[in-house]
PDB file of N, CA and C in Angstrom:
ATOM      1  N   MET A   1       0.987  -1.151  -0.134  1.00  0.00           N
ATOM      2  CA  MET A   1       0.008  -0.117  -0.115  1.00  0.00           C
ATOM      3  C   MET A   1       0.963   1.189  -0.157  1.00  0.00           C
ATOM      4  N   ASP A   2       0.358   2.178  -0.489  1.00  0.00           N
ATOM      5  CA  ASP A   2       1.151   3.481  -0.714  1.00  0.00           C
ATOM      6  C   ASP A   2       0.694   4.317   0.604  1.00  0.00           C
ATOM      7  N   SER A   3       1.039   5.481   0.355  1.00  0.00           N
ATOM      8  CA  SER A   3       0.812   6.570   1.583  1.00  0.00           C
ATOM      9  C   SER A   3      -0.656   7.031   1.589  1.00  0.00           C
ATOM     10  N   GLU A   4      -1.200   6.710   0.489  1.00  0.00           N
ATOM     11  CA  GLU A   4      -2.744   7.093   0.191  1.00  0.00           C
ATOM     12  C   GLU A   4      -3.441   5.943   0.441  1.00  0.00           C
ATOM     13  N   ARG A   5      -2.727   4.718   0.885  1.00  0.00           N
ATOM     14  CA  ARG A   5      -3.617   3.312   1.179  1.00  0.00           C
ATOM     15  C   ARG A   5      -4.252   2.948  -0.214  1.00  0.00           C
ATOM     16  N   ARG A   6      -3.510   3.102  -1.244  1.00  0.00           N
ATOM     17  CA  ARG A   6      -3.924   2.555  -2.443  1.00  0.00           C
ATOM     18  C   ARG A   6      -2.789   1.248  -2.788  1.00  0.00           C
ATOM     19  N   PRO A   7      -3.406   0.171  -3.577  1.00  0.00           N
ATOM     20  CA  PRO A   7      -2.286  -0.761  -3.564  1.00  0.00           C
ATOM     21  C   PRO A   7      -1.373  -0.270  -4.736  1.00  0.00           C
ATOM     22  N   LYS A   8      -0.104  -0.870  -4.418  1.00  0.00           N
ATOM     23  CA  LYS A   8       1.114  -0.623  -5.291  1.00  0.00           C
ATOM     24  C   LYS A   8       0.920  -1.690  -6.358  1.00  0.00           C
ATOM     25  N   PRO A   9       1.686  -1.522  -7.630  1.00  0.00           N
ATOM     26  CA  PRO A   9       1.692  -2.195  -8.629  1.00  0.00           C
ATOM     27  C   PRO A   9       1.997  -3.675  -8.437  1.00  0.00           C
ATOM     28  N   ALA A  10       3.051  -3.891  -7.582  1.00  0.00           N
ATOM     29  CA  ALA A  10       3.270  -5.190  -6.889  1.00  0.00           C
ATOM     30  C   ALA A  10       2.202  -6.140  -6.055  1.00  0.00           C
ATOM     31  N   GLY A  11       1.366  -5.062  -5.283  1.00  0.00           N
ATOM     32  CA  GLY A  11       0.357  -5.731  -4.664  1.00  0.00           C
ATOM     33  C   GLY A  11      -0.873  -6.040  -5.715  1.00  0.00           C
ATOM     34  N   LEU A  12      -1.258  -5.302  -6.664  1.00  0.00           N
ATOM     35  CA  LEU A  12      -2.089  -5.545  -7.639  1.00  0.00           C
ATOM     36  C   LEU A  12      -1.437  -6.896  -8.435  1.00  0.00           C
ATOM     37  N   ARG A  13      -0.432  -7.055  -8.555  1.00  0.00           N
ATOM     38  CA  ARG A  13      -0.002  -8.159  -9.405  1.00  0.00           C
ATOM     39  C   ARG A  13      -0.208  -9.399  -8.505  1.00  0.00           C
ATOM     40  N   LEU A  14       0.106  -9.309  -7.043  1.00  0.00           N
ATOM     41  CA  LEU A  14       0.027 -10.543  -6.241  1.00  0.00           C
ATOM     42  C   LEU A  14      -1.387 -10.758  -6.210  1.00  0.00           C
ATOM     43  N   ALA A  15      -2.407  -9.854  -6.045  1.00  0.00           N
ATOM     44  CA  ALA A  15      -3.815  -9.920  -5.980  1.00  0.00           C
ATOM     45  C   ALA A  15      -4.298 -10.839  -7.187  1.00  0.00           C
ATOM     46  N   LYS A  16      -3.667 -10.656  -8.611  1.00  0.00           N
ATOM     47  CA  LYS A  16      -4.118 -11.066  -9.750  1.00  0.00           C
ATOM     48  C   LYS A  16      -3.582 -12.508  -9.431  1.00  0.00           C
ATOM     49  N   LEU A  17      -2.355 -12.968  -9.048  1.00  0.00           N
ATOM     50  CA  LEU A  17      -1.725 -14.363  -8.921  1.00  0.00           C
ATOM     51  C   LEU A  17      -2.627 -15.037  -7.932  1.00  0.00           C
ATOM     52  N   ILE A  18      -3.095 -14.430  -7.054  1.00  0.00           N
ATOM     53  CA  ILE A  18      -3.742 -15.076  -5.956  1.00  0.00           C
ATOM     54  C   ILE A  18      -5.117 -15.396  -6.487  1.00  0.00           C
ATOM     55  N   ALA A  19      -5.758 -14.637  -7.387  1.00  0.00           N
ATOM     56  CA  ALA A  19      -7.062 -14.985  -7.980  1.00  0.00           C
ATOM     57  C   ALA A  19      -7.027 -16.089  -9.003  1.00  0.00           C
ATOM     58  N   SER A  20      -6.150 -16.052  -9.534  1.00  0.00           N
ATOM     59  CA  SER A  20      -5.705 -17.298 -10.541  1.00  0.00           C
ATOM     60  C   SER A  20      -5.315 -18.262  -9.961  1.00  0.00           C
ATOM     61  N   GLU A  21      -4.695 -18.637  -8.901  1.00  0.00           N
ATOM     62  CA  GLU A  21      -4.566 -19.618  -8.331  1.00  0.00           C
ATOM     63  C   GLU A  21      -5.599 -20.325  -7.545  1.00  0.00           C
ATOM     64  N   ARG A  22      -6.348 -19.597  -7.091  1.00  0.00           N
ATOM     65  CA  ARG A  22      -7.836 -19.523  -6.528  1.00  0.00           C
ATOM     66  C   ARG A  22      -8.694 -20.461  -7.490  1.00  0.00           C
ATOM     67  N   ALA A  23      -8.845 -20.084  -8.560  1.00  0.00           N
ATOM     68  CA  ALA A  23      -9.760 -20.401  -9.987  1.00  0.00           C
ATOM     69  C   ALA A  23      -9.068 -21.528 -10.225  1.00  0.00           C
ATOM     70  N   ASN A  24      -7.933 -21.860 -10.330  1.00  0.00           N
ATOM     71  CA  ASN A  24      -7.236 -22.994 -11.030  1.00  0.00           C
ATOM     72  C   ASN A  24      -5.952 -23.565  -9.947  1.00  0.00           C
ATOM     73  N   PRO A  25      -6.257 -24.005  -8.778  1.00  0.00           N
ATOM     74  CA  PRO A  25      -5.394 -24.533  -8.085  1.00  0.00           C
ATOM     75  C   PRO A  25      -4.153 -25.230  -8.605  1.00  0.00           C
ATOM     76  N   THR A  26      -3.018 -25.078  -8.055  1.00  0.00           N
ATOM     77  CA  THR A  26      -1.969 -25.979  -8.573  1.00  0.00           C
ATOM     78  C   THR A  26      -1.998 -27.170  -7.817  1.00  0.00           C
ATOM     79  N   ALA A  27      -2.052 -28.477  -8.348  1.00  0.00           N
ATOM     80  CA  ALA A  27      -1.939 -29.857  -7.645  1.00  0.00           C
ATOM     81  C   ALA A  27      -0.733 -29.827  -6.674  1.00  0.00           C
ATOM     82  N   PRO A  28      -0.962 -30.177  -5.292  1.00  0.00           N
ATOM     83  CA  PRO A  28      -0.218 -30.461  -4.518  1.00  0.00           C
ATOM     84  C   PRO A  28       1.284 -31.608  -4.800  1.00  0.00           C
ATOM     85  N   LEU A  29       2.312 -31.021  -4.782  1.00  0.00           N
ATOM     86  CA  LEU A  29       3.673 -31.926  -5.305  1.00  0.00           C
ATOM     87  C   LEU A  29       3.567 -33.244  -4.126  1.00  0.00           C
ATOM     88  N   HIS A  30       3.403 -34.484  -4.248  1.00  0.00           N
ATOM     89  CA  HIS A  30       3.570 -35.409  -3.611  1.00  0.00           C
ATOM     90  C   HIS A  30       5.006 -35.813  -3.777  1.00  0.00           C
ATOM     91  N   ARG A  31       5.738 -35.862  -2.335  1.00  0.00           N
ATOM     92  CA  ARG A  31       7.040 -36.156  -2.276  1.00  0.00           C
ATOM     93  C   ARG A  31       7.214 -37.599  -1.643  1.00  0.00           C
ATOM     94  N   SER A  32       7.708 -38.374  -2.160  1.00  0.00           N
ATOM     95  CA  SER A  32       7.828 -39.859  -1.588  1.00  0.00           C
ATOM     96  C   SER A  32       8.886 -39.826  -0.432  1.00  0.00           C
ATOM     97  N   THR A  33       9.963 -38.959  -0.518  1.00  0.00           N
ATOM     98  CA  THR A  33      10.915 -38.926   0.499  1.00  0.00           C
ATOM     99  C   THR A  33      10.760 -37.899   1.387  1.00  0.00           C
ATOM    100  N   ALA A  34      11.123 -37.962   2.774  1.00  0.00           N
ATOM    101  CA  ALA A  34      10.918 -36.945   3.880  1.00  0.00           C
ATOM    102  C   ALA A  34      12.129 -36.838   4.639  1.00  0.00           C
ATOM    103  N   LEU A  35      12.626 -35.661   5.067  1.00  0.00           N
ATOM    104  CA  LEU A  35      13.348 -35.592   5.961  1.00  0.00           C
ATOM    105  C   LEU A  35      12.784 -35.596   7.654  1.00  0.00           C
ATOM    106  N   SER A  36      13.343 -36.368   8.396  1.00  0.00           N
ATOM    107  CA  SER A  36      12.554 -35.940   9.756  1.00  0.00           C
ATOM    108  C   SER A  36      13.513 -34.987  10.522  1.00  0.00           C
ATOM    109  N   PHE A  37      12.551 -34.600  11.395  1.00  0.00           N
ATOM    110  CA  PHE A  37      13.453 -33.427  12.240  1.00  0.00           C
ATOM    111  C   PHE A  37      12.603 -32.927  13.758  1.00  0.00           C
ATOM    112  N   ASP A  38      13.050 -32.856  14.415  1.00  0.00           N
ATOM    113  CA  ASP A  38      12.499 -32.672  15.937  1.00  0.00           C
ATOM    114  C   ASP A  38      12.650 -31.007  16.051  1.00  0.00           C
ATOM    115  N   PRO A  39      11.516 -30.400  15.748  1.00  0.00           N
ATOM    116  CA  PRO A  39      11.503 -28.839  16.012  1.00  0.00           C
ATOM    117  C   PRO A  39      11.576 -28.371  17.670  1.00  0.00           C
ATOM    118  N   GLY A  40      11.528 -29.165  18.460  1.00  0.00           N
ATOM    119  CA  GLY A  40      11.271 -28.853  19.888  1.00  0.00           C
ATOM    120  C   GLY A  40      10.143 -28.900  20.387  1.00  0.00           C
ATOM    121  N   ASP A  41       9.738 -27.985  21.201  1.00  0.00           N
ATOM    122  CA  ASP A  41       8.530 -27.884  21.865  1.00  0.00           C
ATOM    123  C   ASP A  41       7.798 -26.951  21.152  1.00  0.00           C
ATOM    124  N   GLU A  42       6.640 -27.541  20.553  1.00  0.00           N
ATOM    125  CA  GLU A  42       5.694 -26.819  19.698  1.00  0.00           C
ATOM    126  C   GLU A  42       4.852 -25.640  20.259  1.00  0.00           C
ATOM    127  N   ALA A  43       4.639 -25.531  21.698  1.00  0.00           N
ATOM    128  CA  ALA A  43       4.063 -24.564  22.572  1.00  0.00           C
ATOM    129  C   ALA A  43       4.932 -23.383  22.748  1.00  0.00           C
ATOM    130  N   THR A  44       6.299 -23.725  23.034  1.00  0.00           N
ATOM    131  CA  THR A  44       7.168 -22.416  23.342  1.00  0.00           C
ATOM    132  C   THR A  44       7.990 -22.186  22.197  1.00  0.00           C
ATOM    133  N   GLY A  45       8.145 -23.146  21.303  1.00  0.00           N
ATOM    134  CA  GLY A  45       9.215 -22.716  20.188  1.00  0.00           C
ATOM    135  C   GLY A  45      10.582 -23.006  20.385  1.00  0.00           C
ATOM    136  N   MET A  46      10.823 -23.412  21.576  1.00  0.00           N
ATOM    137  CA  MET A  46      12.083 -23.858  22.087  1.00  0.00           C
ATOM    138  C   MET A  46      12.862 -24.831  21.208  1.00  0.00           C
ATOM    139  N   GLY A  47      13.917 -24.768  20.561  1.00  0.00           N
ATOM    140  CA  GLY A  47      14.232 -25.897  19.683  1.00  0.00           C
ATOM    141  C   GLY A  47      14.044 -25.727  18.201  1.00  0.00           C
ATOM    142  N   ARG A  48      13.154 -24.588  17.863  1.00  0.00           N
ATOM    143  CA  ARG A  48      12.842 -24.458  16.637  1.00  0.00           C
ATOM    144  C   ARG A  48      14.107 -23.906  15.771  1.00  0.00           C
ATOM    145  N   SER A  49      14.968 -23.584  16.243  1.00  0.00           N
ATOM    146  CA  SER A  49      16.087 -23.003  15.516  1.00  0.00           C
ATOM    147  C   SER A  49      16.816 -24.378  14.518  1.00  0.00           C
ATOM    148  N   VAL A  50      16.480 -25.705  14.859  1.00  0.00           N
ATOM    149  CA  VAL A  50      16.743 -26.616  13.941  1.00  0.00           C
ATOM    150  C   VAL A  50      16.381 -26.632  12.665  1.00  0.00           C
ATOM    151  N   ALA A  51      15.616 -25.571  12.295  1.00  0.00           N
ATOM    152  CA  ALA A  51      15.182 -25.531  10.980  1.00  0.00           C
ATOM    153  C   ALA A  51      15.926 -24.041  10.380  1.00  0.00           C
ATOM    154  N   ASP A  52      16.576 -23.432  11.114  1.00  0.00           N
ATOM    155  CA  ASP A  52      17.348 -22.514  10.623  1.00  0.00           C
ATOM    156  C   ASP A  52      18.075 -22.736   9.502  1.00  0.00           C
ATOM    157  N   PRO A  53      18.307 -21.724   8.460  1.00  0.00           N
ATOM    158  CA  PRO A  53      19.217 -22.176   7.122  1.00  0.00           C
ATOM    159  C   PRO A  53      20.395 -22.492   7.225  1.00  0.00           C
ATOM    160  N   SER A  54      21.037 -22.062   8.621  1.00  0.00           N
ATOM    161  CA  SER A  54      22.397 -22.510   9.026  1.00  0.00           C
ATOM    162  C   SER A  54      22.399 -23.698   9.456  1.00  0.00           C
ATOM    163  N   GLY A  55      21.403 -24.546   9.681  1.00  0.00           N
ATOM    164  CA  GLY A  55      21.616 -25.704  10.487  1.00  0.00           C
ATOM    165  C   GLY A  55      21.827 -26.995   9.549  1.00  0.00           C
ATOM    166  N   GLU A  56      21.848 -28.026   9.940  1.00  0.00           N
ATOM    167  CA  GLU A  56      22.111 -29.540   9.369  1.00  0.00           C
ATOM    168  C   GLU A  56      20.849 -29.895   8.819  1.00  0.00           C
ATOM    169  N   LEU A  57      19.402 -29.490   9.216  1.00  0.00           N
ATOM    170  CA  LEU A  57      18.315 -29.929   8.361  1.00  0.00           C
ATOM    171  C   LEU A  57      18.542 -29.163   7.111  1.00  0.00           C
ATOM    172  N   PHE A  58      18.642 -28.229   7.016  1.00  0.00           N
ATOM    173  CA  PHE A  58      18.867 -27.072   5.917  1.00  0.00           C
ATOM    174  C   PHE A  58      19.802 -27.615   5.147  1.00  0.00           C
ATOM    175  N   THR A  59      20.834 -27.754   5.470  1.00  0.00           N
ATOM    176  CA  THR A  59      21.963 -28.340   4.401  1.00  0.00           C
ATOM    177  C   THR A  59      21.613 -29.813   3.931  1.00  0.00           C
ATOM    178  N   ALA A  60      20.909 -30.741   4.898  1.00  0.00           N
ATOM    179  CA  ALA A  60      20.763 -32.095   4.375  1.00  0.00           C
ATOM    180  C   ALA A  60      19.575 -31.719   3.139  1.00  0.00           C
ATOM    181  N   TRP A  61      18.263 -30.907   3.193  1.00  0.00           N
ATOM    182  CA  TRP A  61      17.472 -30.742   2.476  1.00  0.00           C
ATOM    183  C   TRP A  61      18.136 -29.987   1.090  1.00  0.00           C
ATOM    184  N   LEU A  62      18.774 -28.988   1.286  1.00  0.00           N
ATOM    185  CA  LEU A  62      19.524 -28.437   0.053  1.00  0.00           C
ATOM    186  C   LEU A  62      20.497 -29.450  -0.635  1.00  0.00           C
ATOM    187  N   ALA A  63      21.220 -30.303  -0.259  1.00  0.00           N
ATOM    188  CA  ALA A  63      21.801 -31.359  -0.580  1.00  0.00           C
ATOM    189  C   ALA A  63      21.098 -32.061  -1.328  1.00  0.00           C
ATOM    190  N   ARG A  64      19.810 -32.659  -1.199  1.00  0.00           N
ATOM    191  CA  ARG A  64      19.081 -33.442  -1.714  1.00  0.00           C
ATOM    192  C   ARG A  64      18.102 -32.885  -2.815  1.00  0.00           C
ATOM    193  N   ALA A  65      18.011 -31.746  -2.464  1.00  0.00           N
ATOM    194  CA  ALA A  65      17.516 -30.737  -3.757  1.00  0.00           C
ATOM    195  C   ALA A  65      18.291 -30.571  -4.950  1.00  0.00           C
ATOM    196  N   ALA A  66      19.537 -30.166  -4.723  1.00  0.00           N
ATOM    197  CA  ALA A  66      20.481 -30.090  -5.742  1.00  0.00           C
ATOM    198  C   ALA A  66      20.604 -31.454  -6.633  1.00  0.00           C
ATOM    199  N   SER A  67      20.491 -32.395  -5.862  1.00  0.00           N
ATOM    200  CA  SER A  67      20.647 -33.718  -6.654  1.00  0.00           C
ATOM    201  C   SER A  67      19.360 -34.043  -7.138  1.00  0.00           C
ATOM    202  N   GLY A  68      18.282 -33.234  -7.244  1.00  0.00           N
ATOM    203  CA  GLY A  68      17.144 -33.610  -8.048  1.00  0.00           C
ATOM    204  C   GLY A  68      15.915 -34.238  -7.278  1.00  0.00           C
ATOM    205  N   THR A  69      16.128 -34.230  -5.922  1.00  0.00           N
ATOM    206  CA  THR A  69      15.308 -34.777  -5.120  1.00  0.00           C
ATOM    207  C   THR A  69      14.528 -33.821  -4.116  1.00  0.00           C
ATOM    208  N   LYS A  70      13.452 -33.256  -4.072  1.00  0.00           N
ATOM    209  CA  LYS A  70      13.218 -32.170  -3.199  1.00  0.00           C
ATOM    210  C   LYS A  70      12.432 -32.920  -2.125  1.00  0.00           C
ATOM    211  N   PRO A  71      12.924 -33.127  -0.947  1.00  0.00           N
ATOM    212  CA  PRO A  71      12.312 -34.127   0.070  1.00  0.00           C
ATOM    213  C   PRO A  71      11.397 -33.135   0.714  1.00  0.00           C
ATOM    214  N   ALA A  72      10.080 -33.851   1.557  1.00  0.00           N
ATOM    215  CA  ALA A  72       9.131 -33.156   2.128  1.00  0.00           C
ATOM    216  C   ALA A  72       9.995 -33.168   3.639  1.00  0.00           C
ATOM    217  N   LEU A  73       9.362 -32.346   4.591  1.00  0.00           N
ATOM    218  CA  LEU A  73       9.813 -32.555   6.052  1.00  0.00           C
ATOM    219  C   LEU A  73       8.656 -33.137   6.619  1.00  0.00           C
ATOM    220  N   VAL A  74       9.200 -33.895   7.785  1.00  0.00           N
ATOM    221  CA  VAL A  74       8.133 -34.617   8.555  1.00  0.00           C
ATOM    222  C   VAL A  74       8.854 -34.377   9.969  1.00  0.00           C
ATOM    223  N   ARG A  75       7.857 -33.945  10.968  1.00  0.00           N
ATOM    224  CA  ARG A  75       8.220 -33.906  12.523  1.00  0.00           C
ATOM    225  C   ARG A  75       8.635 -35.168  12.863  1.00  0.00           C
ATOM    226  N   ALA A  76       9.655 -35.398  13.665  1.00  0.00           N
ATOM    227  CA  ALA A  76       9.650 -36.600  14.222  1.00  0.00           C
ATOM    228  C   ALA A  76       8.754 -37.382  14.893  1.00  0.00           C
ATOM    229  N   SER A  77       7.792 -36.560  15.492  1.00  0.00           N
ATOM    230  CA  SER A  77       6.696 -36.922  16.298  1.00  0.00           C
ATOM    231  C   SER A  77       5.770 -38.105  15.287  1.00  0.00           C
ATOM    232  N   LYS A  78       5.859 -37.680  13.858  1.00  0.00           N
ATOM    233  CA  LYS A  78       5.061 -38.144  12.866  1.00  0.00           C
ATOM    234  C   LYS A  78       5.455 -39.360  12.249  1.00  0.00           C
ATOM    235  N   THR A  79       6.798 -39.513  12.266  1.00  0.00           N
ATOM    236  CA  THR A  79       7.508 -40.364  11.596  1.00  0.00           C
ATOM    237  C   THR A  79       6.932 -41.965  11.614  1.00  0.00           C
ATOM    238  N   SER A  80       6.194 -42.405  12.686  1.00  0.00           N
ATOM    239  CA  SER A  80       5.693 -43.544  12.935  1.00  0.00           C
ATOM    240  C   SER A  80       4.084 -43.542  12.652  1.00  0.00           C
ATOM    241  N   ASP A  81       3.614 -42.315  12.158  1.00  0.00           N
ATOM    242  CA  ASP A  81       2.108 -42.255  12.047  1.00  0.00           C
ATOM    243  C   ASP A  81       2.053 -42.685  10.653  1.00  0.00           C
ATOM    244  N   ALA A  82       1.859 -44.043  10.198  1.00  0.00           N
ATOM    245  CA  ALA A  82       1.554 -44.556   8.986  1.00  0.00           C
ATOM    246  C   ALA A  82       0.641 -43.965   8.182  1.00  0.00           C
ATOM    247  N   ASP A  83      -0.457 -43.572   8.578  1.00  0.00           N
ATOM    248  CA  ASP A  83      -1.540 -43.087   8.039  1.00  0.00           C
ATOM    249  C   ASP A  83      -1.303 -41.168   7.408  1.00  0.00           C
ATOM    250  N   TYR A  84      -0.653 -40.733   8.471  1.00  0.00           N
ATOM    251  CA  TYR A  84      -0.070 -39.351   8.021  1.00  0.00           C
ATOM    252  C   TYR A  84       0.803 -39.474   7.006  1.00  0.00           C
ATOM    253  N   LEU A  85       1.773 -40.213   6.786  1.00  0.00           N
ATOM    254  CA  LEU A  85       2.723 -40.558   5.873  1.00  0.00           C
ATOM    255  C   LEU A  85       2.091 -41.095   4.651  1.00  0.00           C
ATOM    256  N   ALA A  86       1.016 -41.999   4.826  1.00  0.00           N
ATOM    257  CA  ALA A  86       0.675 -42.354   3.213  1.00  0.00           C
ATOM    258  C   ALA A  86      -0.212 -41.060   2.896  1.00  0.00           C
ATOM    259  N   ALA A  87      -1.111 -40.444   3.415  1.00  0.00           N
ATOM    260  CA  ALA A  87      -1.755 -39.154   2.991  1.00  0.00           C
ATOM    261  C   ALA A  87      -1.023 -38.524   2.350  1.00  0.00           C
ATOM    262  N   ARG A  88       0.265 -38.323   2.777  1.00  0.00           N
ATOM    263  CA  ARG A  88       1.296 -37.398   2.150  1.00  0.00           C
ATOM    264  C   ARG A  88       1.989 -38.015   1.216  1.00  0.00           C
ATOM    265  N   GLY A  89       1.910 -39.113   0.703  1.00  0.00           N
ATOM    266  CA  GLY A  89       2.610 -39.948  -0.372  1.00  0.00           C
ATOM    267  C   GLY A  89       4.140 -40.130   0.238  1.00  0.00           C
ATOM    268  N   ILE A  90       4.373 -40.309   1.266  1.00  0.00           N
ATOM    269  CA  ILE A  90       5.770 -40.472   1.866  1.00  0.00           C
ATOM    270  C   ILE A  90       6.046 -41.841   2.069  1.00  0.00           C
ATOM    271  N   THR A  91       7.027 -42.428   1.432  1.00  0.00           N
ATOM    272  CA  THR A  91       7.379 -44.009   1.669  1.00  0.00           C
ATOM    273  C   THR A  91       8.725 -44.299   2.275  1.00  0.00           C
ATOM    274  N   ASP A  92       9.551 -42.952   2.214  1.00  0.00           N
ATOM    275  CA  ASP A  92      10.822 -43.227   2.614  1.00  0.00           C
ATOM    276  C   ASP A  92      11.137 -41.866   3.561  1.00  0.00           C
ATOM    277  N   VAL A  93      11.548 -42.057   4.928  1.00  0.00           N
ATOM    278  CA  VAL A  93      11.726 -41.099   5.686  1.00  0.00           C
ATOM    279  C   VAL A  93      13.165 -41.167   6.229  1.00  0.00           C
ATOM    280  N   VAL A  94      14.175 -40.265   6.064  1.00  0.00           N
ATOM    281  CA  VAL A  94      15.449 -40.195   6.200  1.00  0.00           C
ATOM    282  C   VAL A  94      15.420 -39.365   7.755  1.00  0.00           C
ATOM    283  N   ASN A  95      16.157 -39.806   8.859  1.00  0.00           N
ATOM    284  CA  ASN A  95      16.517 -39.466   9.848  1.00  0.00           C
ATOM    285  C   ASN A  95      17.809 -38.420  10.025  1.00  0.00           C
TER     286      ASN A  95
END
């Protein structure tokens, strides 16, 4: 928004993209491989830094993405939930 509270060109373009996506949604990409991670305490956010771009999780994800496999991410607490993994199309979990 500009100082007159009017949308800027970038905001107008974003609105068009959102409308287009709503009218014709992109099918979600099902990824068969996932990286497991423990984000720490969900209520307090303690341990959340494990997903920081300077951490091992990001490095592992980036290495797989660079080799052509873009893995999903799965909380460690969900890795034994077969229904959850199946719903996401995940067949291989890497710890």
